[in-house]
Amino acid sequence: MFLGKVVGQVVATHKDDGLEGFKLLLVQQMGLDQQPRSGFIVACDAVGAGEGELVIVVQGSSARIAQTTKDKPVDAAVIAIVDHLDLEGKRVWSKYESASA
């Protein structure tokens, strides 16, 4: 699993039938310091995430275990939208504080 930020959407009108109905998100990997890491990934959205949100992404066989992606041709899936991050007992990031800033 890794933390990522949804930075865009990928639109593909021609795709495998197993991907019909899935929103494909472009996710940039993020560090705990909320700084971008190198690398982007296209992930199937299993939870209704949107652009700018911090999410948790799984890859490989784990991406095919989620209820919505079970037995689908998926190598990466967004499985959670992060509400807040606590590190060593301190809140280091909150979705709600970010929204009001």
PDB file of N, CA and C in Angstrom:
ATOM      1  N   MET A   1       0.840  -1.179   0.000  1.00  0.00           N
ATOM      2  CA  MET A   1       0.000   0.000   0.000  1.00  0.00           C
ATOM      3  C   MET A   1       0.882   1.238   0.000  1.00  0.00           C
ATOM      4  N   PHE A   2       0.367   2.291  -0.578  1.00  0.00           N
ATOM      5  CA  PHE A   2       1.069   3.564  -0.496  1.00  0.00           C
ATOM      6  C   PHE A   2       0.062   4.706  -0.493  1.00  0.00           C
ATOM      7  N   LEU A   3       0.523   5.849   0.023  1.00  0.00           N
ATOM      8  CA  LEU A   3      -0.273   7.068  -0.006  1.00  0.00           C
ATOM      9  C   LEU A   3      -0.070   7.751  -1.346  1.00  0.00           C
ATOM     10  N   GLY A   4      -1.139   8.286  -1.875  1.00  0.00           N
ATOM     11  CA  GLY A   4      -1.038   9.015  -3.123  1.00  0.00           C
ATOM     12  C   GLY A   4      -2.049  10.133  -3.178  1.00  0.00           C
ATOM     13  N   LYS A   5      -1.808  11.054  -4.088  1.00  0.00           N
ATOM     14  CA  LYS A   5      -2.734  12.165  -4.306  1.00  0.00           C
ATOM     15  C   LYS A   5      -3.313  12.025  -5.708  1.00  0.00           C
ATOM     16  N   VAL A   6      -4.625  12.095  -5.798  1.00  0.00           N
ATOM     17  CA  VAL A   6      -5.270  12.020  -7.099  1.00  0.00           C
ATOM     18  C   VAL A   6      -5.002  13.330  -7.822  1.00  0.00           C
ATOM     19  N   VAL A   7      -4.311  13.234  -8.961  1.00  0.00           N
ATOM     20  CA  VAL A   7      -3.939  14.430  -9.712  1.00  0.00           C
ATOM     21  C   VAL A   7      -4.663  14.539 -11.052  1.00  0.00           C
ATOM     22  N   GLY A   8      -5.417  13.523 -11.389  1.00  0.00           N
ATOM     23  CA  GLY A   8      -6.138  13.581 -12.657  1.00  0.00           C
ATOM     24  C   GLY A   8      -6.922  12.314 -12.911  1.00  0.00           C
ATOM     25  N   GLN A   9      -7.509  12.271 -14.077  1.00  0.00           N
ATOM     26  CA  GLN A   9      -8.310  11.135 -14.495  1.00  0.00           C
ATOM     27  C   GLN A   9      -7.832  10.684 -15.868  1.00  0.00           C
ATOM     28  N   VAL A  10      -7.894   9.396 -16.108  1.00  0.00           N
ATOM     29  CA  VAL A  10      -7.531   8.840 -17.407  1.00  0.00           C
ATOM     30  C   VAL A  10      -8.814   8.379 -18.082  1.00  0.00           C
ATOM     31  N   VAL A  11      -9.039   8.848 -19.291  1.00  0.00           N
ATOM     32  CA  VAL A  11     -10.236   8.463 -20.036  1.00  0.00           C
ATOM     33  C   VAL A  11      -9.808   7.542 -21.173  1.00  0.00           C
ATOM     34  N   ALA A  12     -10.420   6.370 -21.231  1.00  0.00           N
ATOM     35  CA  ALA A  12     -10.125   5.394 -22.282  1.00  0.00           C
ATOM     36  C   ALA A  12     -11.449   4.857 -22.814  1.00  0.00           C
ATOM     37  N   THR A  13     -11.804   5.257 -24.009  1.00  0.00           N
ATOM     38  CA  THR A  13     -13.092   4.807 -24.550  1.00  0.00           C
ATOM     39  C   THR A  13     -13.038   3.356 -25.013  1.00  0.00           C
ATOM     40  N   HIS A  14     -11.859   2.887 -25.399  1.00  0.00           N
ATOM     41  CA  HIS A  14     -11.692   1.495 -25.806  1.00  0.00           C
ATOM     42  C   HIS A  14     -10.866   0.799 -24.745  1.00  0.00           C
ATOM     43  N   LYS A  15     -11.475  -0.161 -24.043  1.00  0.00           N
ATOM     44  CA  LYS A  15     -10.773  -0.874 -22.978  1.00  0.00           C
ATOM     45  C   LYS A  15     -11.370  -2.258 -22.824  1.00  0.00           C
ATOM     46  N   ASP A  16     -10.690  -3.103 -22.077  1.00  0.00           N
ATOM     47  CA  ASP A  16     -11.171  -4.445 -21.794  1.00  0.00           C
ATOM     48  C   ASP A  16     -12.542  -4.361 -21.124  1.00  0.00           C
ATOM     49  N   ASP A  17     -13.406  -5.298 -21.481  1.00  0.00           N
ATOM     50  CA  ASP A  17     -14.753  -5.311 -20.915  1.00  0.00           C
ATOM     51  C   ASP A  17     -14.749  -5.337 -19.389  1.00  0.00           C
ATOM     52  N   GLY A  18     -13.719  -5.933 -18.785  1.00  0.00           N
ATOM     53  CA  GLY A  18     -13.617  -6.013 -17.331  1.00  0.00           C
ATOM     54  C   GLY A  18     -13.417  -4.663 -16.665  1.00  0.00           C
ATOM     55  N   LEU A  19     -13.065  -3.647 -17.453  1.00  0.00           N
ATOM     56  CA  LEU A  19     -12.861  -2.303 -16.909  1.00  0.00           C
ATOM     57  C   LEU A  19     -14.055  -1.379 -17.135  1.00  0.00           C
ATOM     58  N   GLU A  20     -15.090  -1.885 -17.789  1.00  0.00           N
ATOM     59  CA  GLU A  20     -16.279  -1.061 -18.029  1.00  0.00           C
ATOM     60  C   GLU A  20     -16.857  -0.579 -16.704  1.00  0.00           C
ATOM     61  N   GLY A  21     -17.176   0.703 -16.644  1.00  0.00           N
ATOM     62  CA  GLY A  21     -17.785   1.275 -15.450  1.00  0.00           C
ATOM     63  C   GLY A  21     -16.796   1.787 -14.425  1.00  0.00           C
ATOM     64  N   PHE A  22     -15.520   1.510 -14.604  1.00  0.00           N
ATOM     65  CA  PHE A  22     -14.512   1.984 -13.653  1.00  0.00           C
ATOM     66  C   PHE A  22     -14.016   3.365 -14.030  1.00  0.00           C
ATOM     67  N   LYS A  23     -13.841   4.215 -13.013  1.00  0.00           N
ATOM     68  CA  LYS A  23     -13.159   5.488 -13.201  1.00  0.00           C
ATOM     69  C   LYS A  23     -11.675   5.196 -13.014  1.00  0.00           C
ATOM     70  N   LEU A  24     -10.862   5.646 -13.940  1.00  0.00           N
ATOM     71  CA  LEU A  24      -9.415   5.449 -13.866  1.00  0.00           C
ATOM     72  C   LEU A  24      -8.775   6.752 -13.398  1.00  0.00           C
ATOM     73  N   LEU A  25      -8.032   6.674 -12.308  1.00  0.00           N
ATOM     74  CA  LEU A  25      -7.431   7.855 -11.705  1.00  0.00           C
ATOM     75  C   LEU A  25      -5.927   7.870 -11.902  1.00  0.00           C
ATOM     76  N   LEU A  26      -5.377   9.053 -12.121  1.00  0.00           N
ATOM     77  CA  LEU A  26      -3.938   9.239 -12.166  1.00  0.00           C
ATOM     78  C   LEU A  26      -3.516   9.671 -10.764  1.00  0.00           C
ATOM     79  N   VAL A  27      -2.686   8.857 -10.126  1.00  0.00           N
ATOM     80  CA  VAL A  27      -2.303   9.072  -8.727  1.00  0.00           C
ATOM     81  C   VAL A  27      -0.793   9.274  -8.640  1.00  0.00           C
ATOM     82  N   GLN A  28      -0.385  10.340  -7.933  1.00  0.00           N
ATOM     83  CA  GLN A  28       1.037  10.583  -7.673  1.00  0.00           C
ATOM     84  C   GLN A  28       1.359  10.091  -6.276  1.00  0.00           C
ATOM     85  N   GLN A  29       2.430   9.320  -6.156  1.00  0.00           N
ATOM     86  CA  GLN A  29       2.849   8.832  -4.844  1.00  0.00           C
ATOM     87  C   GLN A  29       3.269   9.999  -3.969  1.00  0.00           C
ATOM     88  N   MET A  30       2.931   9.919  -2.657  1.00  0.00           N
ATOM     89  CA  MET A  30       3.231  10.980  -1.702  1.00  0.00           C
ATOM     90  C   MET A  30       3.963  10.397  -0.500  1.00  0.00           C
ATOM     91  N   GLY A  31       4.833  11.208   0.099  1.00  0.00           N
ATOM     92  CA  GLY A  31       5.511  10.817   1.327  1.00  0.00           C
ATOM     93  C   GLY A  31       4.693  11.221   2.537  1.00  0.00           C
ATOM     94  N   LEU A  32       5.102  10.768   3.711  1.00  0.00           N
ATOM     95  CA  LEU A  32       4.414  11.149   4.947  1.00  0.00           C
ATOM     96  C   LEU A  32       4.489  12.649   5.204  1.00  0.00           C
ATOM     97  N   ASP A  33       5.480  13.297   4.607  1.00  0.00           N
ATOM     98  CA  ASP A  33       5.620  14.751   4.751  1.00  0.00           C
ATOM     99  C   ASP A  33       4.729  15.509   3.766  1.00  0.00           C
ATOM    100  N   GLN A  34       3.875  14.773   3.063  1.00  0.00           N
ATOM    101  CA  GLN A  34       2.963  15.326   2.059  1.00  0.00           C
ATOM    102  C   GLN A  34       3.673  15.920   0.851  1.00  0.00           C
ATOM    103  N   GLN A  35       4.911  15.531   0.651  1.00  0.00           N
ATOM    104  CA  GLN A  35       5.655  15.958  -0.527  1.00  0.00           C
ATOM    105  C   GLN A  35       5.554  14.884  -1.599  1.00  0.00           C
ATOM    106  N   PRO A  36       5.382  15.288  -2.850  1.00  0.00           N
ATOM    107  CA  PRO A  36       5.281  14.310  -3.936  1.00  0.00           C
ATOM    108  C   PRO A  36       6.560  13.499  -4.078  1.00  0.00           C
ATOM    109  N   ARG A  37       6.400  12.239  -4.385  1.00  0.00           N
ATOM    110  CA  ARG A  37       7.502  11.348  -4.719  1.00  0.00           C
ATOM    111  C   ARG A  37       7.467  11.137  -6.227  1.00  0.00           C
ATOM    112  N   SER A  38       8.567  10.693  -6.768  1.00  0.00           N
ATOM    113  CA  SER A  38       8.572  10.446  -8.207  1.00  0.00           C
ATOM    114  C   SER A  38       7.675   9.252  -8.503  1.00  0.00           C
ATOM    115  N   GLY A  39       6.999   9.335  -9.554  1.00  0.00           N
ATOM    116  CA  GLY A  39       6.177   8.227  -9.995  1.00  0.00           C
ATOM    117  C   GLY A  39       4.686   8.512  -9.936  1.00  0.00           C
ATOM    118  N   PHE A  40       4.042   8.103 -10.985  1.00  0.00           N
ATOM    119  CA  PHE A  40       2.589   8.193 -11.102  1.00  0.00           C
ATOM    120  C   PHE A  40       2.071   6.807 -11.430  1.00  0.00           C
ATOM    121  N   ILE A  41       0.821   6.565 -11.106  1.00  0.00           N
ATOM    122  CA  ILE A  41       0.223   5.278 -11.417  1.00  0.00           C
ATOM    123  C   ILE A  41      -1.225   5.506 -11.827  1.00  0.00           C
ATOM    124  N   VAL A  42      -1.705   4.679 -12.725  1.00  0.00           N
ATOM    125  CA  VAL A  42      -3.119   4.686 -13.075  1.00  0.00           C
ATOM    126  C   VAL A  42      -3.777   3.616 -12.218  1.00  0.00           C
ATOM    127  N   ALA A  43      -4.811   4.012 -11.478  1.00  0.00           N
ATOM    128  CA  ALA A  43      -5.476   3.083 -10.562  1.00  0.00           C
ATOM    129  C   ALA A  43      -6.984   3.127 -10.773  1.00  0.00           C
ATOM    130  N   CYS A  44      -7.622   1.970 -10.665  1.00  0.00           N
ATOM    131  CA  CYS A  44      -9.081   1.908 -10.694  1.00  0.00           C
ATOM    132  C   CYS A  44      -9.618   2.453  -9.380  1.00  0.00           C
ATOM    133  N   ASP A  45     -10.655   3.240  -9.471  1.00  0.00           N
ATOM    134  CA  ASP A  45     -11.258   3.840  -8.282  1.00  0.00           C
ATOM    135  C   ASP A  45     -12.325   2.913  -7.722  1.00  0.00           C
ATOM    136  N   ALA A  46     -12.093   2.394  -6.502  1.00  0.00           N
ATOM    137  CA  ALA A  46     -13.051   1.499  -5.857  1.00  0.00           C
ATOM    138  C   ALA A  46     -13.887   2.210  -4.802  1.00  0.00           C
ATOM    139  N   VAL A  47     -13.627   3.521  -4.566  1.00  0.00           N
ATOM    140  CA  VAL A  47     -14.283   4.200  -3.444  1.00  0.00           C
ATOM    141  C   VAL A  47     -14.879   5.571  -3.776  1.00  0.00           C
ATOM    142  N   GLY A  48     -14.792   6.026  -4.991  1.00  0.00           N
ATOM    143  CA  GLY A  48     -15.364   7.323  -5.341  1.00  0.00           C
ATOM    144  C   GLY A  48     -14.464   8.505  -5.031  1.00  0.00           C
ATOM    145  N   ALA A  49     -13.174   8.334  -5.176  1.00  0.00           N
ATOM    146  CA  ALA A  49     -12.210   9.409  -4.899  1.00  0.00           C
ATOM    147  C   ALA A  49     -12.255  10.460  -6.000  1.00  0.00           C
ATOM    148  N   GLY A  50     -11.814  11.665  -5.632  1.00  0.00           N
ATOM    149  CA  GLY A  50     -11.798  12.750  -6.596  1.00  0.00           C
ATOM    150  C   GLY A  50     -10.450  13.445  -6.636  1.00  0.00           C
ATOM    151  N   GLU A  51     -10.297  14.304  -7.612  1.00  0.00           N
ATOM    152  CA  GLU A  51      -9.038  15.021  -7.795  1.00  0.00           C
ATOM    153  C   GLU A  51      -8.685  15.834  -6.548  1.00  0.00           C
ATOM    154  N   GLY A  52      -7.404  15.760  -6.170  1.00  0.00           N
ATOM    155  CA  GLY A  52      -6.898  16.490  -5.017  1.00  0.00           C
ATOM    156  C   GLY A  52      -6.962  15.713  -3.709  1.00  0.00           C
ATOM    157  N   GLU A  53      -7.643  14.577  -3.703  1.00  0.00           N
ATOM    158  CA  GLU A  53      -7.775  13.823  -2.455  1.00  0.00           C
ATOM    159  C   GLU A  53      -6.555  12.937  -2.204  1.00  0.00           C
ATOM    160  N   LEU A  54      -6.241  12.772  -0.918  1.00  0.00           N
ATOM    161  CA  LEU A  54      -5.195  11.849  -0.488  1.00  0.00           C
ATOM    162  C   LEU A  54      -5.837  10.482  -0.346  1.00  0.00           C
ATOM    163  N   VAL A  55      -5.232   9.475  -0.943  1.00  0.00           N
ATOM    164  CA  VAL A  55      -5.838   8.142  -1.003  1.00  0.00           C
ATOM    165  C   VAL A  55      -4.819   7.062  -0.651  1.00  0.00           C
ATOM    166  N   ILE A  56      -5.335   5.873  -0.412  1.00  0.00           N
ATOM    167  CA  ILE A  56      -4.493   4.696  -0.231  1.00  0.00           C
ATOM    168  C   ILE A  56      -4.674   3.816  -1.462  1.00  0.00           C
ATOM    169  N   VAL A  57      -3.549   3.407  -2.025  1.00  0.00           N
ATOM    170  CA  VAL A  57      -3.541   2.586  -3.237  1.00  0.00           C
ATOM    171  C   VAL A  57      -2.904   1.237  -2.927  1.00  0.00           C
ATOM    172  N   VAL A  58      -3.505   0.181  -3.448  1.00  0.00           N
ATOM    173  CA  VAL A  58      -2.899  -1.153  -3.381  1.00  0.00           C
ATOM    174  C   VAL A  58      -2.601  -1.600  -4.799  1.00  0.00           C
ATOM    175  N   GLN A  59      -1.611  -2.503  -4.905  1.00  0.00           N
ATOM    176  CA  GLN A  59      -1.197  -2.989  -6.214  1.00  0.00           C
ATOM    177  C   GLN A  59      -1.154  -4.505  -6.242  1.00  0.00           C
ATOM    178  N   GLY A  60      -1.044  -5.031  -7.442  1.00  0.00           N
ATOM    179  CA  GLY A  60      -0.911  -6.474  -7.625  1.00  0.00           C
ATOM    180  C   GLY A  60      -2.171  -7.223  -7.226  1.00  0.00           C
ATOM    181  N   SER A  61      -1.996  -8.420  -6.682  1.00  0.00           N
ATOM    182  CA  SER A  61      -3.149  -9.251  -6.337  1.00  0.00           C
ATOM    183  C   SER A  61      -4.048  -8.579  -5.307  1.00  0.00           C
ATOM    184  N   SER A  62      -3.493  -7.726  -4.456  1.00  0.00           N
ATOM    185  CA  SER A  62      -4.308  -7.004  -3.467  1.00  0.00           C
ATOM    186  C   SER A  62      -5.330  -6.099  -4.147  1.00  0.00           C
ATOM    187  N   ALA A  63      -5.000  -5.591  -5.312  1.00  0.00           N
ATOM    188  CA  ALA A  63      -5.918  -4.716  -6.043  1.00  0.00           C
ATOM    189  C   ALA A  63      -7.124  -5.481  -6.571  1.00  0.00           C
ATOM    190  N   ARG A  64      -7.015  -6.790  -6.667  1.00  0.00           N
ATOM    191  CA  ARG A  64      -8.111  -7.598  -7.186  1.00  0.00           C
ATOM    192  C   ARG A  64      -8.924  -8.257  -6.068  1.00  0.00           C
ATOM    193  N   ILE A  65      -8.682  -7.877  -4.830  1.00  0.00           N
ATOM    194  CA  ILE A  65      -9.423  -8.441  -3.699  1.00  0.00           C
ATOM    195  C   ILE A  65     -10.584  -7.537  -3.290  1.00  0.00           C
ATOM    196  N   ALA A  66     -10.482  -6.235  -3.577  1.00  0.00           N
ATOM    197  CA  ALA A  66     -11.559  -5.301  -3.223  1.00  0.00           C
ATOM    198  C   ALA A  66     -12.867  -5.765  -3.847  1.00  0.00           C
ATOM    199  N   GLN A  67     -13.962  -5.493  -3.163  1.00  0.00           N
ATOM    200  CA  GLN A  67     -15.287  -5.930  -3.623  1.00  0.00           C
ATOM    201  C   GLN A  67     -15.565  -5.528  -5.066  1.00  0.00           C
ATOM    202  N   THR A  68     -15.265  -4.293  -5.420  1.00  0.00           N
ATOM    203  CA  THR A  68     -15.599  -3.800  -6.756  1.00  0.00           C
ATOM    204  C   THR A  68     -14.628  -4.253  -7.840  1.00  0.00           C
ATOM    205  N   THR A  69     -13.415  -4.650  -7.467  1.00  0.00           N
ATOM    206  CA  THR A  69     -12.411  -5.029  -8.469  1.00  0.00           C
ATOM    207  C   THR A  69     -12.152  -6.530  -8.513  1.00  0.00           C
ATOM    208  N   LYS A  70     -12.908  -7.292  -7.763  1.00  0.00           N
ATOM    209  CA  LYS A  70     -12.693  -8.749  -7.696  1.00  0.00           C
ATOM    210  C   LYS A  70     -12.741  -9.367  -9.090  1.00  0.00           C
ATOM    211  N   ASP A  71     -11.676 -10.109  -9.402  1.00  0.00           N
ATOM    212  CA  ASP A  71     -11.555 -10.828 -10.674  1.00  0.00           C
ATOM    213  C   ASP A  71     -11.570  -9.915 -11.904  1.00  0.00           C
ATOM    214  N   LYS A  72     -11.136  -8.680 -11.737  1.00  0.00           N
ATOM    215  CA  LYS A  72     -11.050  -7.741 -12.858  1.00  0.00           C
ATOM    216  C   LYS A  72      -9.583  -7.577 -13.263  1.00  0.00           C
ATOM    217  N   PRO A  73      -9.317  -7.137 -14.484  1.00  0.00           N
ATOM    218  CA  PRO A  73      -7.930  -6.954 -14.944  1.00  0.00           C
ATOM    219  C   PRO A  73      -7.310  -5.671 -14.385  1.00  0.00           C
ATOM    220  N   VAL A  74      -7.089  -5.677 -13.070  1.00  0.00           N
ATOM    221  CA  VAL A  74      -6.644  -4.483 -12.348  1.00  0.00           C
ATOM    222  C   VAL A  74      -5.316  -4.766 -11.663  1.00  0.00           C
ATOM    223  N   ASP A  75      -4.364  -3.842 -11.786  1.00  0.00           N
ATOM    224  CA  ASP A  75      -3.082  -3.977 -11.102  1.00  0.00           C
ATOM    225  C   ASP A  75      -2.904  -2.947  -9.996  1.00  0.00           C
ATOM    226  N   ALA A  76      -3.766  -1.925  -9.970  1.00  0.00           N
ATOM    227  CA  ALA A  76      -3.715  -0.912  -8.909  1.00  0.00           C
ATOM    228  C   ALA A  76      -5.138  -0.423  -8.660  1.00  0.00           C
ATOM    229  N   ALA A  77      -5.481  -0.245  -7.382  1.00  0.00           N
ATOM    230  CA  ALA A  77      -6.820   0.226  -7.027  1.00  0.00           C
ATOM    231  C   ALA A  77      -6.751   1.196  -5.862  1.00  0.00           C
ATOM    232  N   VAL A  78      -7.543   2.258  -5.946  1.00  0.00           N
ATOM    233  CA  VAL A  78      -7.724   3.177  -4.824  1.00  0.00           C
ATOM    234  C   VAL A  78      -8.765   2.525  -3.923  1.00  0.00           C
ATOM    235  N   ILE A  79      -8.350   2.216  -2.666  1.00  0.00           N
ATOM    236  CA  ILE A  79      -9.247   1.502  -1.759  1.00  0.00           C
ATOM    237  C   ILE A  79      -9.701   2.326  -0.562  1.00  0.00           C
ATOM    238  N   ALA A  80      -9.159   3.543  -0.403  1.00  0.00           N
ATOM    239  CA  ALA A  80      -9.557   4.389   0.725  1.00  0.00           C
ATOM    240  C   ALA A  80      -9.242   5.844   0.429  1.00  0.00           C
ATOM    241  N   ILE A  81     -10.082   6.720   0.978  1.00  0.00           N
ATOM    242  CA  ILE A  81      -9.842   8.161   0.962  1.00  0.00           C
ATOM    243  C   ILE A  81      -9.424   8.527   2.383  1.00  0.00           C
ATOM    244  N   VAL A  82      -8.270   9.167   2.523  1.00  0.00           N
ATOM    245  CA  VAL A  82      -7.703   9.462   3.845  1.00  0.00           C
ATOM    246  C   VAL A  82      -8.393  10.687   4.455  1.00  0.00           C
ATOM    247  N   ASP A  83      -8.827  10.551   5.718  1.00  0.00           N
ATOM    248  CA  ASP A  83      -9.413  11.671   6.463  1.00  0.00           C
ATOM    249  C   ASP A  83      -8.332  12.471   7.181  1.00  0.00           C
ATOM    250  N   HIS A  84      -7.407  11.753   7.825  1.00  0.00           N
ATOM    251  CA  HIS A  84      -6.291  12.429   8.491  1.00  0.00           C
ATOM    252  C   HIS A  84      -5.133  11.464   8.698  1.00  0.00           C
ATOM    253  N   LEU A  85      -3.947  12.051   8.912  1.00  0.00           N
ATOM    254  CA  LEU A  85      -2.738  11.276   9.194  1.00  0.00           C
ATOM    255  C   LEU A  85      -2.224  11.663  10.571  1.00  0.00           C
ATOM    256  N   ASP A  86      -1.969  10.660  11.404  1.00  0.00           N
ATOM    257  CA  ASP A  86      -1.341  10.869  12.704  1.00  0.00           C
ATOM    258  C   ASP A  86       0.015  10.180  12.661  1.00  0.00           C
ATOM    259  N   LEU A  87       1.053  10.878  13.069  1.00  0.00           N
ATOM    260  CA  LEU A  87       2.403  10.341  13.072  1.00  0.00           C
ATOM    261  C   LEU A  87       3.023  10.609  14.432  1.00  0.00           C
ATOM    262  N   GLU A  88       3.420   9.539  15.093  1.00  0.00           N
ATOM    263  CA  GLU A  88       4.016   9.621  16.429  1.00  0.00           C
ATOM    264  C   GLU A  88       3.132  10.424  17.386  1.00  0.00           C
ATOM    265  N   GLY A  89       1.837  10.138  17.342  1.00  0.00           N
ATOM    266  CA  GLY A  89       0.894  10.757  18.264  1.00  0.00           C
ATOM    267  C   GLY A  89       0.472  12.170  17.908  1.00  0.00           C
ATOM    268  N   LYS A  90       0.907  12.679  16.759  1.00  0.00           N
ATOM    269  CA  LYS A  90       0.548  14.038  16.367  1.00  0.00           C
ATOM    270  C   LYS A  90      -0.166  14.028  15.031  1.00  0.00           C
ATOM    271  N   ARG A  91      -1.196  14.838  14.916  1.00  0.00           N
ATOM    272  CA  ARG A  91      -1.904  14.987  13.649  1.00  0.00           C
ATOM    273  C   ARG A  91      -1.021  15.815  12.729  1.00  0.00           C
ATOM    274  N   VAL A  92      -0.621  15.207  11.607  1.00  0.00           N
ATOM    275  CA  VAL A  92       0.265  15.900  10.677  1.00  0.00           C
ATOM    276  C   VAL A  92      -0.464  16.372   9.418  1.00  0.00           C
ATOM    277  N   TRP A  93      -1.674  15.850   9.221  1.00  0.00           N
ATOM    278  CA  TRP A  93      -2.465  16.269   8.054  1.00  0.00           C
ATOM    279  C   TRP A  93      -3.924  15.919   8.291  1.00  0.00           C
ATOM    280  N   SER A  94      -4.807  16.797   7.866  1.00  0.00           N
ATOM    281  CA  SER A  94      -6.238  16.535   7.964  1.00  0.00           C
ATOM    282  C   SER A  94      -6.930  17.019   6.696  1.00  0.00           C
ATOM    283  N   LYS A  95      -7.759  16.187   6.160  1.00  0.00           N
ATOM    284  CA  LYS A  95      -8.551  16.532   4.971  1.00  0.00           C
ATOM    285  C   LYS A  95      -9.392  17.777   5.233  1.00  0.00           C
ATOM    286  N   TYR A  96      -9.914  17.886   6.443  1.00  0.00           N
ATOM    287  CA  TYR A  96     -10.830  18.985   6.772  1.00  0.00           C
ATOM    288  C   TYR A  96     -10.093  20.301   6.979  1.00  0.00           C
ATOM    289  N   GLU A  97      -8.902  20.242   7.560  1.00  0.00           N
ATOM    290  CA  GLU A  97      -8.100  21.462   7.720  1.00  0.00           C
ATOM    291  C   GLU A  97      -7.589  21.945   6.375  1.00  0.00           C
ATOM    292  N   SER A  98      -7.236  21.002   5.497  1.00  0.00           N
ATOM    293  CA  SER A  98      -6.760  21.368   4.159  1.00  0.00           C
ATOM    294  C   SER A  98      -7.848  22.040   3.358  1.00  0.00           C
ATOM    295  N   ALA A  99      -9.089  21.576   3.533  1.00  0.00           N
ATOM    296  CA  ALA A  99     -10.210  22.116   2.768  1.00  0.00           C
ATOM    297  C   ALA A  99     -10.522  23.555   3.171  1.00  0.00           C
ATOM    298  N   SER A 100     -10.279  23.897   4.425  1.00  0.00           N
ATOM    299  CA  SER A 100     -10.619  25.228   4.888  1.00  0.00           C
ATOM    300  C   SER A 100      -9.475  26.222   4.720  1.00  0.00           C
ATOM    301  N   ALA A 101      -8.299  25.718   4.373  1.00  0.00           N
ATOM    302  CA  ALA A 101      -7.125  26.607   4.249  1.00  0.00           C
ATOM    303  C   ALA A 101      -7.108  27.293   2.900  1.00  0.00           C
TER     304      ALA A 101
END
